[in-house]
Amino acid sequence: GGIARQDYPAHLISEVVIVDDSPTHLAAPGLVEGEQEWRPPPDDGAPAPAPLRVVYVRTTPMSVGEKRNVAVGHARGAVILHTDDDDFYSPLRTRRQVRPIVNGDADLTVLEHQATFFLAEPRLYVARMPWKSFSSWGPHFGTLAYRRSMAEELDGFANVSLGEDAYFADRAVGACYRYNVIKHPF
């Protein structure tokens, strides 16, 4: 479920901004710091994905909130969609989350938290795929999509690494922005 595999039309994706504060800088092969066009490697048997405009930003270690602010500062698109390095999504995710914003029905969307993948036993990663499903944990604030103008009006994210996304969504609702939880997005 990577970004390059989303079914959202590639010509509508302005860019992908990668903020890397890891000590070893773990970006995909072929990426260098700055703005570039990048073509992800094709999956076996799948058509080659369209190239993406990528902005790769290396930083010193910083809070998750700071990294989100750096990403928003480099973004040019009207809608921001967060994807963290440990996230897996259906190819439908971008379309389902961005559509209500583009259609004017919401200013901010999040996915309903329905399943969590646990890596407690790494040897089972491929063999058993240890995951747990729930009817719902409610909104999963780590899946924010929102109008970039809203982030600018709210002065971005708090300089913390836990709850920065929920706090951002709470401030958005307090400022009367329209908010949708996308249920059963896959």
C-alpha atoms as a PDB file:
ATOM      1  CA  GLY A   1       0.000   0.000   0.000  1.00  0.00           C
ATOM      2  CA  GLY A   2       2.728   2.521  -0.817  1.00  0.00           C
ATOM      3  CA  ILE A   3       2.157   6.027  -2.097  1.00  0.00           C
ATOM      4  CA  ALA A   4       3.121   5.088  -5.647  1.00  0.00           C
ATOM      5  CA  ARG A   5       0.480   2.335  -5.684  1.00  0.00           C
ATOM      6  CA  GLN A   6      -2.498   4.547  -4.860  1.00  0.00           C
ATOM      7  CA  ASP A   7      -5.288   4.549  -7.443  1.00  0.00           C
ATOM      8  CA  TYR A   8      -5.592   8.342  -7.212  1.00  0.00           C
ATOM      9  CA  PRO A   9      -4.688   9.811 -10.616  1.00  0.00           C
ATOM     10  CA  ALA A  10      -0.948  10.539 -10.636  1.00  0.00           C
ATOM     11  CA  HIS A  11      -1.465  13.828 -12.484  1.00  0.00           C
ATOM     12  CA  LEU A  12      -3.486  15.096  -9.495  1.00  0.00           C
ATOM     13  CA  ILE A  13      -0.723  14.378  -6.967  1.00  0.00           C
ATOM     14  CA  SER A  14       1.369  17.564  -6.736  1.00  0.00           C
ATOM     15  CA  GLU A  15       4.254  15.985  -4.902  1.00  0.00           C
ATOM     16  CA  VAL A  16       5.424  13.628  -2.212  1.00  0.00           C
ATOM     17  CA  VAL A  17       7.420  15.300   0.566  1.00  0.00           C
ATOM     18  CA  ILE A  18       9.738  13.024   2.546  1.00  0.00           C
ATOM     19  CA  VAL A  19      11.162  14.364   5.797  1.00  0.00           C
ATOM     20  CA  ASP A  20      14.001  12.112   6.939  1.00  0.00           C
ATOM     21  CA  ASP A  21      15.569  12.664  10.354  1.00  0.00           C
ATOM     22  CA  SER A  22      16.991   9.153  10.723  1.00  0.00           C
ATOM     23  CA  PRO A  23      20.733   8.925  11.437  1.00  0.00           C
ATOM     24  CA  THR A  24      21.299   6.782   8.337  1.00  0.00           C
ATOM     25  CA  HIS A  25      18.858   8.590   6.002  1.00  0.00           C
ATOM     26  CA  LEU A  26      16.725   5.713   4.834  1.00  0.00           C
ATOM     27  CA  ALA A  27      15.235   7.179   1.649  1.00  0.00           C
ATOM     28  CA  ALA A  28      14.518   5.044  -1.384  1.00  0.00           C
ATOM     29  CA  PRO A  29      17.468   4.275  -3.652  1.00  0.00           C
ATOM     30  CA  GLY A  30      18.113   7.021  -6.147  1.00  0.00           C
ATOM     31  CA  LEU A  31      16.656   9.852  -4.063  1.00  0.00           C
ATOM     32  CA  VAL A  32      18.873  12.792  -3.266  1.00  0.00           C
ATOM     33  CA  GLU A  33      18.163  15.809  -1.112  1.00  0.00           C
ATOM     34  CA  GLY A  34      15.962  18.359  -2.852  1.00  0.00           C
ATOM     35  CA  GLU A  35      13.252  18.211  -5.511  1.00  0.00           C
ATOM     36  CA  GLN A  36      13.296  15.517  -8.187  1.00  0.00           C
ATOM     37  CA  GLU A  37      11.237  13.176 -10.314  1.00  0.00           C
ATOM     38  CA  TRP A  38      11.324   9.616  -9.039  1.00  0.00           C
ATOM     39  CA  ARG A  39       9.948   6.483 -10.653  1.00  0.00           C
ATOM     40  CA  PRO A  40       9.223   3.741  -8.109  1.00  0.00           C
ATOM     41  CA  PRO A  41      10.304   0.235  -9.097  1.00  0.00           C
ATOM     42  CA  PRO A  42       7.424  -1.820 -10.539  1.00  0.00           C
ATOM     43  CA  ASP A  43       5.887  -4.700  -8.611  1.00  0.00           C
ATOM     44  CA  ASP A  44       6.136  -8.105 -10.227  1.00  0.00           C
ATOM     45  CA  GLY A  45       3.514  -8.310 -12.959  1.00  0.00           C
ATOM     46  CA  ALA A  46       2.121  -4.815 -12.308  1.00  0.00           C
ATOM     47  CA  PRO A  47       2.386  -1.957 -14.780  1.00  0.00           C
ATOM     48  CA  ALA A  48       5.152   0.520 -14.045  1.00  0.00           C
ATOM     49  CA  PRO A  49       3.895   3.292 -11.777  1.00  0.00           C
ATOM     50  CA  ALA A  50       3.915   6.891 -13.011  1.00  0.00           C
ATOM     51  CA  PRO A  51       6.831   9.039 -11.902  1.00  0.00           C
ATOM     52  CA  LEU A  52       6.264  11.199  -8.837  1.00  0.00           C
ATOM     53  CA  ARG A  53       7.598  14.642  -7.990  1.00  0.00           C
ATOM     54  CA  VAL A  54       9.452  14.064  -4.738  1.00  0.00           C
ATOM     55  CA  VAL A  55      10.882  16.588  -2.326  1.00  0.00           C
ATOM     56  CA  TYR A  56      13.393  14.841  -0.074  1.00  0.00           C
ATOM     57  CA  VAL A  57      14.348  16.823   3.035  1.00  0.00           C
ATOM     58  CA  ARG A  58      17.058  15.636   5.428  1.00  0.00           C
ATOM     59  CA  THR A  59      16.965  17.075   8.922  1.00  0.00           C
ATOM     60  CA  THR A  60      18.498  16.558  12.301  1.00  0.00           C
ATOM     61  CA  PRO A  61      16.309  14.591  14.736  1.00  0.00           C
ATOM     62  CA  MET A  62      13.141  16.468  15.644  1.00  0.00           C
ATOM     63  CA  SER A  63       9.655  15.849  17.012  1.00  0.00           C
ATOM     64  CA  VAL A  64       6.933  14.369  14.821  1.00  0.00           C
ATOM     65  CA  GLY A  65       5.057  17.685  15.018  1.00  0.00           C
ATOM     66  CA  GLU A  66       8.119  19.551  13.738  1.00  0.00           C
ATOM     67  CA  LYS A  67       8.541  17.044  10.890  1.00  0.00           C
ATOM     68  CA  ARG A  68       4.898  17.527   9.896  1.00  0.00           C
ATOM     69  CA  ASN A  69       5.453  21.301   9.839  1.00  0.00           C
ATOM     70  CA  VAL A  70       8.575  20.892   7.673  1.00  0.00           C
ATOM     71  CA  ALA A  71       6.593  18.720   5.240  1.00  0.00           C
ATOM     72  CA  VAL A  72       3.714  21.213   5.045  1.00  0.00           C
ATOM     73  CA  GLY A  73       6.243  24.019   4.507  1.00  0.00           C
ATOM     74  CA  HIS A  74       7.635  22.217   1.449  1.00  0.00           C
ATOM     75  CA  ALA A  75       4.249  21.171   0.053  1.00  0.00           C
ATOM     76  CA  ARG A  76       2.692  23.032  -2.879  1.00  0.00           C
ATOM     77  CA  GLY A  77      -0.590  21.128  -3.195  1.00  0.00           C
ATOM     78  CA  ALA A  78      -3.911  22.350  -1.854  1.00  0.00           C
ATOM     79  CA  VAL A  79      -4.526  19.122   0.112  1.00  0.00           C
ATOM     80  CA  ILE A  80      -2.036  17.504   2.503  1.00  0.00           C
ATOM     81  CA  LEU A  81      -2.227  13.765   3.233  1.00  0.00           C
ATOM     82  CA  HIS A  82      -0.023  12.238   5.942  1.00  0.00           C
ATOM     83  CA  THR A  83       1.607   8.846   5.455  1.00  0.00           C
ATOM     84  CA  ASP A  84       4.188   7.712   7.972  1.00  0.00           C
ATOM     85  CA  ASP A  85       7.049   5.347   7.123  1.00  0.00           C
ATOM     86  CA  ASP A  86       5.448   2.429   8.964  1.00  0.00           C
ATOM     87  CA  ASP A  87       1.977   2.756   7.413  1.00  0.00           C
ATOM     88  CA  PHE A  88       0.295   0.294   5.036  1.00  0.00           C
ATOM     89  CA  TYR A  89      -2.866   1.293   3.155  1.00  0.00           C
ATOM     90  CA  SER A  90      -5.179   0.029   0.486  1.00  0.00           C
ATOM     91  CA  PRO A  91      -4.645   1.591  -2.961  1.00  0.00           C
ATOM     92  CA  LEU A  92      -8.037   3.289  -2.405  1.00  0.00           C
ATOM     93  CA  ARG A  93      -6.895   5.317   0.596  1.00  0.00           C
ATOM     94  CA  THR A  94      -5.923   8.581  -1.142  1.00  0.00           C
ATOM     95  CA  ARG A  95      -9.036   8.710  -3.313  1.00  0.00           C
ATOM     96  CA  ARG A  96     -11.393   7.997  -0.411  1.00  0.00           C
ATOM     97  CA  GLN A  97      -9.813  10.559   1.891  1.00  0.00           C
ATOM     98  CA  VAL A  98      -9.219  13.373  -0.583  1.00  0.00           C
ATOM     99  CA  ARG A  99     -12.569  13.195  -2.407  1.00  0.00           C
ATOM    100  CA  PRO A 100     -14.663  14.815   0.406  1.00  0.00           C
ATOM    101  CA  ILE A 101     -12.123  17.647   0.646  1.00  0.00           C
ATOM    102  CA  VAL A 102     -11.949  18.276  -3.105  1.00  0.00           C
ATOM    103  CA  ASN A 103     -15.757  18.087  -3.390  1.00  0.00           C
ATOM    104  CA  GLY A 104     -16.138  20.707  -0.645  1.00  0.00           C
ATOM    105  CA  ASP A 105     -17.818  18.330   1.843  1.00  0.00           C
ATOM    106  CA  ALA A 106     -14.991  18.412   4.441  1.00  0.00           C
ATOM    107  CA  ASP A 107     -11.869  20.352   5.332  1.00  0.00           C
ATOM    108  CA  LEU A 108     -10.213  17.492   7.212  1.00  0.00           C
ATOM    109  CA  THR A 109     -10.606  13.710   6.963  1.00  0.00           C
ATOM    110  CA  VAL A 110      -9.185  10.771   8.913  1.00  0.00           C
ATOM    111  CA  LEU A 111      -9.620   7.043   8.517  1.00  0.00           C
ATOM    112  CA  GLU A 112     -11.545   5.006  11.035  1.00  0.00           C
ATOM    113  CA  HIS A 113      -9.090   2.912  13.041  1.00  0.00           C
ATOM    114  CA  GLN A 114     -10.198  -0.645  12.214  1.00  0.00           C
ATOM    115  CA  ALA A 115      -7.082  -2.801  12.388  1.00  0.00           C
ATOM    116  CA  THR A 116      -3.594  -2.708  13.841  1.00  0.00           C
ATOM    117  CA  PHE A 117      -0.633  -4.763  12.719  1.00  0.00           C
ATOM    118  CA  PHE A 118       1.589  -5.934  15.573  1.00  0.00           C
ATOM    119  CA  LEU A 119       5.233  -6.810  15.010  1.00  0.00           C
ATOM    120  CA  ALA A 120       5.793  -8.277  18.456  1.00  0.00           C
ATOM    121  CA  GLU A 121       7.367 -11.380  16.927  1.00  0.00           C
ATOM    122  CA  PRO A 122       9.395 -10.409  13.817  1.00  0.00           C
ATOM    123  CA  ARG A 123       9.855 -14.055  12.721  1.00  0.00           C
ATOM    124  CA  LEU A 124       6.084 -14.235  12.175  1.00  0.00           C
ATOM    125  CA  TYR A 125       6.013 -11.178   9.936  1.00  0.00           C
ATOM    126  CA  VAL A 126       5.753 -13.073   6.657  1.00  0.00           C
ATOM    127  CA  ALA A 127       4.442 -16.405   7.851  1.00  0.00           C
ATOM    128  CA  ARG A 128       1.464 -15.320   9.956  1.00  0.00           C
ATOM    129  CA  MET A 129       0.886 -11.600   9.491  1.00  0.00           C
ATOM    130  CA  PRO A 130      -0.033 -10.871  13.137  1.00  0.00           C
ATOM    131  CA  TRP A 131      -2.795  -8.290  13.105  1.00  0.00           C
ATOM    132  CA  LYS A 132      -5.788  -7.548  15.188  1.00  0.00           C
ATOM    133  CA  SER A 133      -9.081  -6.243  13.888  1.00  0.00           C
ATOM    134  CA  PHE A 134     -11.555  -4.123  15.822  1.00  0.00           C
ATOM    135  CA  SER A 135     -15.023  -2.938  14.952  1.00  0.00           C
ATOM    136  CA  SER A 136     -13.565   0.547  15.520  1.00  0.00           C
ATOM    137  CA  TRP A 137     -11.177   2.395  17.764  1.00  0.00           C
ATOM    138  CA  GLY A 138     -12.631   5.633  16.442  1.00  0.00           C
ATOM    139  CA  PRO A 139     -10.666   8.089  14.322  1.00  0.00           C
ATOM    140  CA  HIS A 140      -7.046   7.323  13.515  1.00  0.00           C
ATOM    141  CA  PHE A 141      -5.510  10.787  13.677  1.00  0.00           C
ATOM    142  CA  GLY A 142      -2.231   9.597  12.153  1.00  0.00           C
ATOM    143  CA  THR A 143      -4.114   9.434   8.836  1.00  0.00           C
ATOM    144  CA  LEU A 144      -4.905  13.138   8.510  1.00  0.00           C
ATOM    145  CA  ALA A 145      -5.817  14.699   5.177  1.00  0.00           C
ATOM    146  CA  TYR A 146      -6.651  18.404   5.161  1.00  0.00           C
ATOM    147  CA  ARG A 147      -6.530  21.667   3.266  1.00  0.00           C
ATOM    148  CA  ARG A 148      -3.053  23.181   3.375  1.00  0.00           C
ATOM    149  CA  SER A 149      -4.639  26.586   4.030  1.00  0.00           C
ATOM    150  CA  MET A 150      -6.091  25.176   7.250  1.00  0.00           C
ATOM    151  CA  ALA A 151      -2.614  24.197   8.506  1.00  0.00           C
ATOM    152  CA  GLU A 152      -1.405  27.718   7.810  1.00  0.00           C
ATOM    153  CA  GLU A 153      -4.355  29.279   9.656  1.00  0.00           C
ATOM    154  CA  LEU A 154      -3.892  26.967  12.664  1.00  0.00           C
ATOM    155  CA  ASP A 155      -0.109  27.616  12.771  1.00  0.00           C
ATOM    156  CA  GLY A 156       0.707  23.964  12.113  1.00  0.00           C
ATOM    157  CA  PHE A 157       1.451  21.180  14.545  1.00  0.00           C
ATOM    158  CA  ALA A 158       2.616  21.286  18.146  1.00  0.00           C
ATOM    159  CA  ASN A 159       6.289  20.518  18.758  1.00  0.00           C
ATOM    160  CA  VAL A 160       5.614  17.080  20.293  1.00  0.00           C
ATOM    161  CA  SER A 161       5.875  13.464  19.125  1.00  0.00           C
ATOM    162  CA  LEU A 162       2.718  12.046  20.647  1.00  0.00           C
ATOM    163  CA  GLY A 163      -0.758  13.395  20.016  1.00  0.00           C
ATOM    164  CA  GLU A 164       0.309  16.202  17.677  1.00  0.00           C
ATOM    165  CA  ASP A 165      -2.166  14.939  15.092  1.00  0.00           C
ATOM    166  CA  ALA A 166      -5.115  14.636  17.513  1.00  0.00           C
ATOM    167  CA  TYR A 167      -4.343  18.096  18.916  1.00  0.00           C
ATOM    168  CA  PHE A 168      -4.270  19.518  15.351  1.00  0.00           C
ATOM    169  CA  ALA A 169      -7.654  17.911  14.568  1.00  0.00           C
ATOM    170  CA  ASP A 170      -9.100  19.206  17.853  1.00  0.00           C
ATOM    171  CA  ARG A 171      -7.982  22.764  17.047  1.00  0.00           C
ATOM    172  CA  ALA A 172      -9.459  22.421  13.546  1.00  0.00           C
ATOM    173  CA  VAL A 173     -12.844  21.380  14.940  1.00  0.00           C
ATOM    174  CA  GLY A 174     -12.647  24.214  17.485  1.00  0.00           C
ATOM    175  CA  ALA A 175     -12.087  26.639  14.599  1.00  0.00           C
ATOM    176  CA  CYS A 176     -15.258  25.276  12.911  1.00  0.00           C
ATOM    177  CA  TYR A 177     -13.547  23.325  10.137  1.00  0.00           C
ATOM    178  CA  ARG A 178     -15.626  20.453   8.764  1.00  0.00           C
ATOM    179  CA  TYR A 179     -14.334  17.024   9.744  1.00  0.00           C
ATOM    180  CA  ASN A 180     -15.124  13.530   8.351  1.00  0.00           C
ATOM    181  CA  VAL A 181     -14.135  10.095   9.609  1.00  0.00           C
ATOM    182  CA  ILE A 182     -13.899   7.796   6.591  1.00  0.00           C
ATOM    183  CA  LYS A 183     -15.502   4.520   7.613  1.00  0.00           C
ATOM    184  CA  HIS A 184     -14.656   1.239   5.923  1.00  0.00           C
ATOM    185  CA  PRO A 185     -12.309   2.868   3.409  1.00  0.00           C
ATOM    186  CA  PHE A 186     -11.199  -0.383   1.834  1.00  0.00           C
END
